[in-house]
Protein backbone atom coordinates (compact mmCIF):
# COMPACT_ATOMS: atom_id res chain seq x y z
CA MET A 1 -75.27 -75.43 -6.35
CA THR A 2 -72.83 -76.87 -3.82
CA ALA A 3 -69.87 -78.99 -4.75
CA ILE A 4 -69.81 -82.58 -3.58
CA PRO A 5 -66.49 -83.40 -1.91
CA THR A 6 -64.45 -86.11 -3.55
CA ALA A 7 -63.40 -89.23 -1.68
CA SER A 8 -59.89 -87.86 -1.24
CA ALA A 9 -61.23 -84.60 0.17
CA ARG A 10 -63.43 -86.47 2.66
CA SER A 11 -60.56 -88.67 3.83
CA ALA A 12 -58.02 -85.84 4.12
CA PRO A 13 -58.66 -85.18 7.84
CA TYR A 14 -58.10 -88.87 8.58
CA TRP A 15 -54.72 -88.83 6.84
CA TRP A 16 -53.69 -85.73 8.77
CA ALA A 17 -54.81 -87.29 12.05
CA LEU A 18 -52.91 -90.46 11.23
CA ALA A 19 -49.76 -88.51 10.33
CA VAL A 20 -49.95 -86.43 13.52
CA GLY A 21 -50.55 -89.56 15.59
CA VAL A 22 -47.56 -91.33 14.08
CA LEU A 23 -45.40 -88.25 14.63
CA ILE A 24 -46.45 -87.99 18.27
CA ALA A 25 -45.80 -91.72 18.81
CA VAL A 26 -42.34 -91.50 17.23
CA ILE A 27 -41.45 -88.51 19.42
CA ALA A 28 -42.89 -90.10 22.57
CA PHE A 29 -41.17 -93.43 22.03
CA SER A 30 -37.98 -92.21 20.34
CA GLY A 31 -35.74 -93.60 23.08
CA SER A 32 -37.35 -97.03 22.94
CA LEU A 33 -37.47 -97.06 19.15
CA SER A 34 -33.78 -96.21 18.88
CA GLU A 35 -32.93 -99.03 21.30
CA VAL A 36 -35.04 -101.49 19.30
CA VAL A 37 -33.40 -100.46 16.03
CA ARG A 38 -29.97 -100.71 17.64
CA ARG A 39 -30.74 -104.29 18.68
CA TRP A 40 -32.08 -105.13 15.22
CA ILE A 41 -28.77 -103.98 13.76
CA ALA A 42 -26.42 -105.43 16.37
CA GLN A 43 -27.96 -108.82 17.16
CA GLU A 44 -28.48 -111.32 14.38
CA GLU A 45 -31.44 -113.06 16.05
CA TYR A 46 -33.41 -109.78 15.92
CA SER A 47 -32.49 -108.77 12.37
CA HIS A 48 -35.96 -109.75 11.08
CA GLY A 49 -37.40 -106.84 13.11
CA PHE A 50 -37.06 -104.47 10.16
CA PHE A 51 -39.73 -106.50 8.34
CA ILE A 52 -42.31 -106.31 11.14
CA PRO A 53 -43.53 -102.72 10.43
CA LEU A 54 -43.66 -103.48 6.69
CA ILE A 55 -45.70 -106.64 7.19
CA ALA A 56 -48.02 -104.89 9.65
CA ALA A 57 -48.57 -102.04 7.17
CA TRP A 58 -49.27 -104.53 4.37
CA LEU A 59 -51.79 -106.43 6.53
CA LEU A 60 -53.56 -103.21 7.47
CA TRP A 61 -53.64 -102.11 3.83
CA THR A 62 -55.06 -105.41 2.56
CA ARG A 63 -57.77 -105.34 5.24
CA ARG A 64 -58.51 -101.63 5.01
CA ASP A 65 -62.11 -102.10 3.76
CA ALA A 66 -63.02 -104.29 6.72
CA ILE A 67 -61.28 -101.90 9.11
CA LEU A 68 -63.10 -98.88 7.67
CA LYS A 69 -66.43 -100.71 7.85
CA SER A 70 -65.88 -101.62 11.49
CA VAL A 71 -64.87 -98.07 12.38
CA GLY A 72 -67.80 -96.57 10.46
CA THR A 73 -70.43 -98.77 12.09
CA ASN A 74 -68.98 -98.56 15.58
CA GLY A 75 -70.51 -95.19 16.42
CA GLY A 76 -73.34 -94.48 18.82
């Protein structure tokens, strides 16, 4: 009898791929990211920039079912 993988076991490769992708992006754009953060700190009109990644993450999280459906049915 074979064991049926749990939902977390099936999604584990996706989390690793996401983590590696984020790490590569941070390394690749570290110069630009540090400049953006410096501006967010130094210039008052850009201080809202710290909220942008949080809001984007929240929007992605609240729409995760629709995103997963669109990714799952987009294959050939």
